[in-house]
Amino acid sequence: MRITARVQKIFDPQVGTSKSGNEWKKQSLLVTQLDNDFKDELMIDMWNDSIKEVEEGTAYEFDIIVK
């Protein structure tokens, strides 16, 4: 699913090690959807290689997986 959203807040990155010994990174963002009538706020987590430089207040297109 692809959305267009403005970044409202960028949270501090989290890092850790899985039970199998692999290192991981997670970056969470609070975004406001721009391409619907309700302006929904969503929390988006970016993991490992998908973490990109983003700026608060800037709109981006995000490809998301809904679980």
N, C-alpha and C. Protein backbone atom coordinates (compact mmCIF):
# COMPACT_ATOMS: atom_id res chain seq x y z
N MET A 1 0.85 -1.17 0.00
CA MET A 1 0.00 0.00 0.00
C MET A 1 0.89 1.23 0.00
N ARG A 2 0.60 2.19 -0.83
CA ARG A 2 1.39 3.42 -0.91
C ARG A 2 0.54 4.58 -0.40
N ILE A 3 1.14 5.40 0.49
CA ILE A 3 0.45 6.58 1.00
C ILE A 3 1.36 7.80 0.84
N THR A 4 0.74 8.97 0.82
CA THR A 4 1.48 10.22 0.89
C THR A 4 1.20 10.80 2.27
N ALA A 5 2.26 11.14 3.00
CA ALA A 5 2.09 11.59 4.38
C ALA A 5 3.18 12.59 4.75
N ARG A 6 2.82 13.49 5.67
CA ARG A 6 3.78 14.48 6.19
C ARG A 6 4.31 13.97 7.53
N VAL A 7 5.62 14.03 7.70
CA VAL A 7 6.27 13.56 8.93
C VAL A 7 6.03 14.60 10.02
N GLN A 8 5.38 14.18 11.11
CA GLN A 8 5.10 15.07 12.24
C GLN A 8 6.18 14.96 13.32
N LYS A 9 6.66 13.74 13.58
CA LYS A 9 7.67 13.54 14.61
C LYS A 9 8.55 12.35 14.23
N ILE A 10 9.83 12.51 14.46
CA ILE A 10 10.80 11.44 14.26
C ILE A 10 11.29 11.00 15.64
N PHE A 11 11.11 9.74 15.96
CA PHE A 11 11.53 9.22 17.26
C PHE A 11 12.97 8.73 17.19
N ASP A 12 13.61 8.66 18.35
CA ASP A 12 14.99 8.19 18.42
C ASP A 12 15.07 6.76 17.88
N PRO A 13 16.15 6.45 17.15
CA PRO A 13 16.30 5.09 16.64
C PRO A 13 16.52 4.09 17.77
N GLN A 14 16.08 2.87 17.53
CA GLN A 14 16.30 1.78 18.48
C GLN A 14 17.18 0.75 17.79
N VAL A 15 18.08 0.15 18.56
CA VAL A 15 18.94 -0.90 18.03
C VAL A 15 18.94 -2.06 19.01
N GLY A 16 19.24 -3.24 18.50
CA GLY A 16 19.28 -4.41 19.37
C GLY A 16 19.86 -5.60 18.65
N THR A 17 19.83 -6.72 19.32
CA THR A 17 20.32 -7.98 18.77
C THR A 17 19.24 -9.03 18.96
N SER A 18 18.93 -9.76 17.90
CA SER A 18 17.92 -10.81 17.96
C SER A 18 18.45 -12.01 18.74
N LYS A 19 17.55 -12.94 19.05
CA LYS A 19 17.96 -14.16 19.76
C LYS A 19 18.99 -14.96 18.98
N SER A 20 18.94 -14.82 17.64
CA SER A 20 19.90 -15.56 16.80
C SER A 20 21.22 -14.81 16.63
N GLY A 21 21.35 -13.63 17.26
CA GLY A 21 22.61 -12.90 17.22
C GLY A 21 22.71 -11.86 16.12
N ASN A 22 21.63 -11.65 15.35
CA ASN A 22 21.65 -10.64 14.29
C ASN A 22 21.29 -9.26 14.85
N GLU A 23 22.07 -8.24 14.45
CA GLU A 23 21.76 -6.88 14.88
C GLU A 23 20.61 -6.32 14.05
N TRP A 24 19.77 -5.46 14.68
CA TRP A 24 18.68 -4.83 13.98
C TRP A 24 18.59 -3.35 14.38
N LYS A 25 17.95 -2.55 13.50
CA LYS A 25 17.70 -1.13 13.76
C LYS A 25 16.24 -0.84 13.43
N LYS A 26 15.63 0.05 14.21
CA LYS A 26 14.25 0.46 13.94
C LYS A 26 14.14 1.97 14.14
N GLN A 27 13.47 2.65 13.20
CA GLN A 27 13.21 4.09 13.29
C GLN A 27 11.71 4.28 13.19
N SER A 28 11.08 4.93 14.16
CA SER A 28 9.64 5.16 14.15
C SER A 28 9.34 6.61 13.78
N LEU A 29 8.26 6.78 13.00
CA LEU A 29 7.81 8.10 12.57
C LEU A 29 6.33 8.24 12.86
N LEU A 30 5.89 9.42 13.30
CA LEU A 30 4.48 9.75 13.37
C LEU A 30 4.20 10.60 12.14
N VAL A 31 3.24 10.15 11.31
CA VAL A 31 2.94 10.85 10.06
C VAL A 31 1.45 11.14 9.98
N THR A 32 1.10 12.16 9.18
CA THR A 32 -0.30 12.49 8.90
C THR A 32 -0.54 12.23 7.43
N GLN A 33 -1.50 11.36 7.13
CA GLN A 33 -1.82 11.02 5.75
C GLN A 33 -2.39 12.25 5.03
N LEU A 34 -1.95 12.47 3.80
CA LEU A 34 -2.41 13.61 3.03
C LEU A 34 -3.37 13.23 1.92
N ASP A 35 -3.47 11.95 1.60
CA ASP A 35 -4.24 11.54 0.44
C ASP A 35 -5.59 10.92 0.79
N ASN A 36 -6.17 11.34 1.93
CA ASN A 36 -7.54 10.95 2.23
C ASN A 36 -8.25 12.12 2.92
N ASP A 37 -9.55 12.03 3.09
CA ASP A 37 -10.34 13.13 3.66
C ASP A 37 -10.20 13.27 5.16
N PHE A 38 -9.70 12.25 5.86
CA PHE A 38 -9.71 12.26 7.31
C PHE A 38 -8.39 12.70 7.95
N LYS A 39 -7.33 12.82 7.17
CA LYS A 39 -6.01 13.22 7.68
C LYS A 39 -5.58 12.34 8.85
N ASP A 40 -5.67 11.02 8.64
CA ASP A 40 -5.31 10.06 9.67
C ASP A 40 -3.85 10.18 10.08
N GLU A 41 -3.60 10.04 11.39
CA GLU A 41 -2.24 9.95 11.89
C GLU A 41 -1.88 8.48 12.01
N LEU A 42 -0.67 8.15 11.58
CA LEU A 42 -0.19 6.78 11.62
C LEU A 42 1.21 6.75 12.22
N MET A 43 1.54 5.63 12.85
CA MET A 43 2.90 5.39 13.30
C MET A 43 3.52 4.43 12.30
N ILE A 44 4.64 4.81 11.73
CA ILE A 44 5.33 3.99 10.74
C ILE A 44 6.68 3.59 11.32
N ASP A 45 7.00 2.31 11.23
CA ASP A 45 8.31 1.81 11.65
C ASP A 45 9.11 1.43 10.41
N MET A 46 10.33 1.93 10.32
CA MET A 46 11.25 1.55 9.25
C MET A 46 12.31 0.67 9.88
N TRP A 47 12.65 -0.43 9.20
CA TRP A 47 13.58 -1.41 9.74
C TRP A 47 14.83 -1.53 8.87
N ASN A 48 15.98 -1.64 9.51
CA ASN A 48 17.26 -1.97 8.89
C ASN A 48 17.53 -1.17 7.62
N ASP A 49 17.64 -1.83 6.47
CA ASP A 49 18.03 -1.16 5.23
C ASP A 49 16.96 -0.22 4.69
N SER A 50 15.72 -0.29 5.19
CA SER A 50 14.67 0.61 4.70
C SER A 50 14.70 1.96 5.40
N ILE A 51 15.55 2.14 6.40
CA ILE A 51 15.65 3.43 7.10
C ILE A 51 16.30 4.44 6.17
N LYS A 52 15.60 5.54 5.97
CA LYS A 52 16.07 6.62 5.09
C LYS A 52 16.07 7.92 5.88
N GLU A 53 16.83 8.89 5.39
CA GLU A 53 16.83 10.21 5.99
C GLU A 53 15.52 10.91 5.65
N VAL A 54 14.79 11.35 6.67
CA VAL A 54 13.57 12.11 6.48
C VAL A 54 13.62 13.32 7.41
N GLU A 55 12.83 14.33 7.10
CA GLU A 55 12.78 15.55 7.90
C GLU A 55 11.37 15.80 8.39
N GLU A 56 11.24 16.28 9.62
CA GLU A 56 9.93 16.64 10.15
C GLU A 56 9.34 17.77 9.32
N GLY A 57 8.02 17.70 9.08
CA GLY A 57 7.32 18.72 8.31
C GLY A 57 7.33 18.51 6.82
N THR A 58 8.07 17.52 6.34
CA THR A 58 8.18 17.24 4.91
C THR A 58 7.26 16.08 4.54
N ALA A 59 6.65 16.17 3.35
CA ALA A 59 5.77 15.10 2.86
C ALA A 59 6.57 14.13 2.01
N TYR A 60 6.26 12.85 2.15
CA TYR A 60 6.91 11.78 1.41
C TYR A 60 5.87 10.77 0.97
N GLU A 61 6.22 9.95 -0.01
CA GLU A 61 5.43 8.77 -0.34
C GLU A 61 6.05 7.60 0.39
N PHE A 62 5.21 6.81 1.08
CA PHE A 62 5.67 5.65 1.82
C PHE A 62 4.98 4.40 1.26
N ASP A 63 5.75 3.35 1.05
CA ASP A 63 5.20 2.03 0.75
C ASP A 63 5.14 1.31 2.09
N ILE A 64 3.91 0.96 2.52
CA ILE A 64 3.76 0.37 3.84
C ILE A 64 3.15 -1.02 3.74
N ILE A 65 3.44 -1.83 4.76
CA ILE A 65 2.84 -3.15 4.92
C ILE A 65 1.95 -3.06 6.15
N VAL A 66 0.67 -3.31 5.97
CA VAL A 66 -0.29 -3.22 7.07
C VAL A 66 -0.44 -4.60 7.69
N LYS A 67 -0.26 -4.66 9.01
CA LYS A 67 -0.39 -5.94 9.72
C LYS A 67 -1.50 -5.84 10.71
